[in-house]
Amino acid sequence: MKYSSGKVSNKGIVVIPIEVRRQLAIDEGDKLEFVLNEGGGASMYVVKRKSVLDVFGVLETDKSIPDMNELRDSFKEEAARGIVHRGKNS
């Protein structure tokens, strides 16, 4: 096992050597989770950055997924009806 060292700034920013980032596939935006051990040490885990697209389709459903343009148009129509309806009651 090869050891590599980084550096901690006075603001707590940690510089992780490129070899370690490559080996652990750490990308910009990923988070690091630190677990303190009873013996005074710590373990570090990489928490990969997720986007909505990463989880799209994970849940199964028997319903069709509406088109986003149709949803937006429907919302605009409902909002306009609400404005017109409130205007009549004023």
C-alpha atoms as a PDB file:
ATOM      1  CA  MET A   1       0.000   0.000   0.000  1.00  0.00           C
ATOM      2  CA  LYS A   2       1.352   3.403  -0.966  1.00  0.00           C
ATOM      3  CA  TYR A   3       0.757   6.329   1.378  1.00  0.00           C
ATOM      4  CA  SER A   4       0.104   9.813   0.143  1.00  0.00           C
ATOM      5  CA  SER A   5      -0.312  12.978   2.146  1.00  0.00           C
ATOM      6  CA  GLY A   6      -2.442  16.047   1.663  1.00  0.00           C
ATOM      7  CA  LYS A   7      -2.640  19.351   3.433  1.00  0.00           C
ATOM      8  CA  VAL A   8      -5.218  21.132   5.601  1.00  0.00           C
ATOM      9  CA  SER A   9      -5.570  24.916   5.311  1.00  0.00           C
ATOM     10  CA  ASN A  10      -6.351  27.244   8.220  1.00  0.00           C
ATOM     11  CA  LYS A  11      -9.990  27.202   6.995  1.00  0.00           C
ATOM     12  CA  GLY A  12     -10.179  23.406   7.182  1.00  0.00           C
ATOM     13  CA  ILE A  13      -9.954  22.891   3.413  1.00  0.00           C
ATOM     14  CA  VAL A  14      -8.297  19.555   2.674  1.00  0.00           C
ATOM     15  CA  VAL A  15      -6.134  19.023  -0.391  1.00  0.00           C
ATOM     16  CA  ILE A  16      -6.380  15.414  -1.559  1.00  0.00           C
ATOM     17  CA  PRO A  17      -3.507  14.233  -3.772  1.00  0.00           C
ATOM     18  CA  ILE A  18      -4.444  13.474  -7.391  1.00  0.00           C
ATOM     19  CA  GLU A  19      -3.354   9.826  -7.051  1.00  0.00           C
ATOM     20  CA  VAL A  20      -5.822   9.321  -4.194  1.00  0.00           C
ATOM     21  CA  ARG A  21      -8.639  11.122  -6.044  1.00  0.00           C
ATOM     22  CA  ARG A  22      -8.071   8.966  -9.106  1.00  0.00           C
ATOM     23  CA  GLN A  23      -7.881   5.718  -7.137  1.00  0.00           C
ATOM     24  CA  LEU A  24     -11.072   6.502  -5.190  1.00  0.00           C
ATOM     25  CA  ALA A  25     -12.828   8.097  -8.210  1.00  0.00           C
ATOM     26  CA  ILE A  26     -13.408  11.315  -6.269  1.00  0.00           C
ATOM     27  CA  ASP A  27     -14.935  13.951  -8.535  1.00  0.00           C
ATOM     28  CA  GLU A  28     -15.696  17.619  -8.027  1.00  0.00           C
ATOM     29  CA  GLY A  29     -18.932  17.935  -6.072  1.00  0.00           C
ATOM     30  CA  ASP A  30     -18.594  14.585  -4.299  1.00  0.00           C
ATOM     31  CA  LYS A  31     -18.793  14.684  -0.514  1.00  0.00           C
ATOM     32  CA  LEU A  32     -16.522  12.989   1.981  1.00  0.00           C
ATOM     33  CA  GLU A  33     -17.921  11.340   5.082  1.00  0.00           C
ATOM     34  CA  PHE A  34     -15.646  10.941   8.081  1.00  0.00           C
ATOM     35  CA  VAL A  35     -16.272   8.359  10.802  1.00  0.00           C
ATOM     36  CA  LEU A  36     -14.306   8.763  14.013  1.00  0.00           C
ATOM     37  CA  ASN A  37     -12.944   5.541  15.464  1.00  0.00           C
ATOM     38  CA  GLU A  38     -12.634   4.844  19.190  1.00  0.00           C
ATOM     39  CA  GLY A  39      -8.848   4.573  18.929  1.00  0.00           C
ATOM     40  CA  GLY A  40      -8.521   8.196  17.817  1.00  0.00           C
ATOM     41  CA  GLY A  41      -8.332   7.510  14.091  1.00  0.00           C
ATOM     42  CA  ALA A  42     -10.892   8.076  11.388  1.00  0.00           C
ATOM     43  CA  SER A  43     -12.224   6.425   8.260  1.00  0.00           C
ATOM     44  CA  MET A  44     -13.208   8.384   5.173  1.00  0.00           C
ATOM     45  CA  TYR A  45     -15.897   7.426   2.660  1.00  0.00           C
ATOM     46  CA  VAL A  46     -16.698   9.014  -0.679  1.00  0.00           C
ATOM     47  CA  VAL A  47     -20.353   9.980  -1.149  1.00  0.00           C
ATOM     48  CA  LYS A  48     -20.909  10.386  -4.871  1.00  0.00           C
ATOM     49  CA  ARG A  49     -22.761  13.457  -6.071  1.00  0.00           C
ATOM     50  CA  LYS A  50     -26.241  12.575  -7.324  1.00  0.00           C
ATOM     51  CA  SER A  51     -28.515  14.325  -9.736  1.00  0.00           C
ATOM     52  CA  VAL A  52     -32.203  13.819 -10.361  1.00  0.00           C
ATOM     53  CA  LEU A  53     -31.278  12.035 -13.582  1.00  0.00           C
ATOM     54  CA  ASP A  54     -29.320   9.432 -11.585  1.00  0.00           C
ATOM     55  CA  VAL A  55     -32.511   8.226  -9.902  1.00  0.00           C
ATOM     56  CA  PHE A  56     -34.959   8.745 -12.774  1.00  0.00           C
ATOM     57  CA  GLY A  57     -36.846   5.515 -13.418  1.00  0.00           C
ATOM     58  CA  VAL A  58     -35.834   3.863 -10.128  1.00  0.00           C
ATOM     59  CA  LEU A  59     -39.414   3.644  -8.901  1.00  0.00           C
ATOM     60  CA  GLU A  60     -41.753   1.460 -10.894  1.00  0.00           C
ATOM     61  CA  THR A  61     -45.279   2.542 -11.688  1.00  0.00           C
ATOM     62  CA  ASP A  62     -48.064   1.341 -13.909  1.00  0.00           C
ATOM     63  CA  LYS A  63     -49.049   4.935 -14.643  1.00  0.00           C
ATOM     64  CA  SER A  64     -47.690   6.833 -17.608  1.00  0.00           C
ATOM     65  CA  ILE A  65     -45.364   9.737 -16.949  1.00  0.00           C
ATOM     66  CA  PRO A  66     -46.898  12.982 -18.235  1.00  0.00           C
ATOM     67  CA  ASP A  67     -45.033  15.103 -20.724  1.00  0.00           C
ATOM     68  CA  MET A  68     -43.388  18.081 -18.979  1.00  0.00           C
ATOM     69  CA  ASN A  69     -44.660  20.531 -21.620  1.00  0.00           C
ATOM     70  CA  GLU A  70     -48.215  19.260 -21.125  1.00  0.00           C
ATOM     71  CA  LEU A  71     -47.847  19.602 -17.350  1.00  0.00           C
ATOM     72  CA  ARG A  72     -46.553  23.165 -17.677  1.00  0.00           C
ATOM     73  CA  ASP A  73     -49.386  24.139 -20.071  1.00  0.00           C
ATOM     74  CA  SER A  74     -51.973  22.534 -17.789  1.00  0.00           C
ATOM     75  CA  PHE A  75     -50.581  24.398 -14.784  1.00  0.00           C
ATOM     76  CA  LYS A  76     -50.687  27.709 -16.665  1.00  0.00           C
ATOM     77  CA  GLU A  77     -54.315  27.080 -17.661  1.00  0.00           C
ATOM     78  CA  GLU A  78     -55.300  26.220 -14.075  1.00  0.00           C
ATOM     79  CA  ALA A  79     -53.516  29.314 -12.760  1.00  0.00           C
ATOM     80  CA  ALA A  80     -55.237  31.522 -15.347  1.00  0.00           C
ATOM     81  CA  ARG A  81     -58.645  30.062 -14.438  1.00  0.00           C
ATOM     82  CA  GLY A  82     -57.950  30.784 -10.771  1.00  0.00           C
ATOM     83  CA  ILE A  83     -57.010  34.388 -11.520  1.00  0.00           C
ATOM     84  CA  VAL A  84     -60.128  34.894 -13.667  1.00  0.00           C
ATOM     85  CA  HIS A  85     -62.329  33.207 -11.037  1.00  0.00           C
ATOM     86  CA  ARG A  86     -60.927  35.369  -8.213  1.00  0.00           C
ATOM     87  CA  GLY A  87     -61.397  38.468 -10.384  1.00  0.00           C
ATOM     88  CA  LYS A  88     -65.117  37.730 -10.802  1.00  0.00           C
ATOM     89  CA  ASN A  89     -65.571  37.489  -7.022  1.00  0.00           C
ATOM     90  CA  SER A  90     -63.891  40.846  -6.348  1.00  0.00           C
END
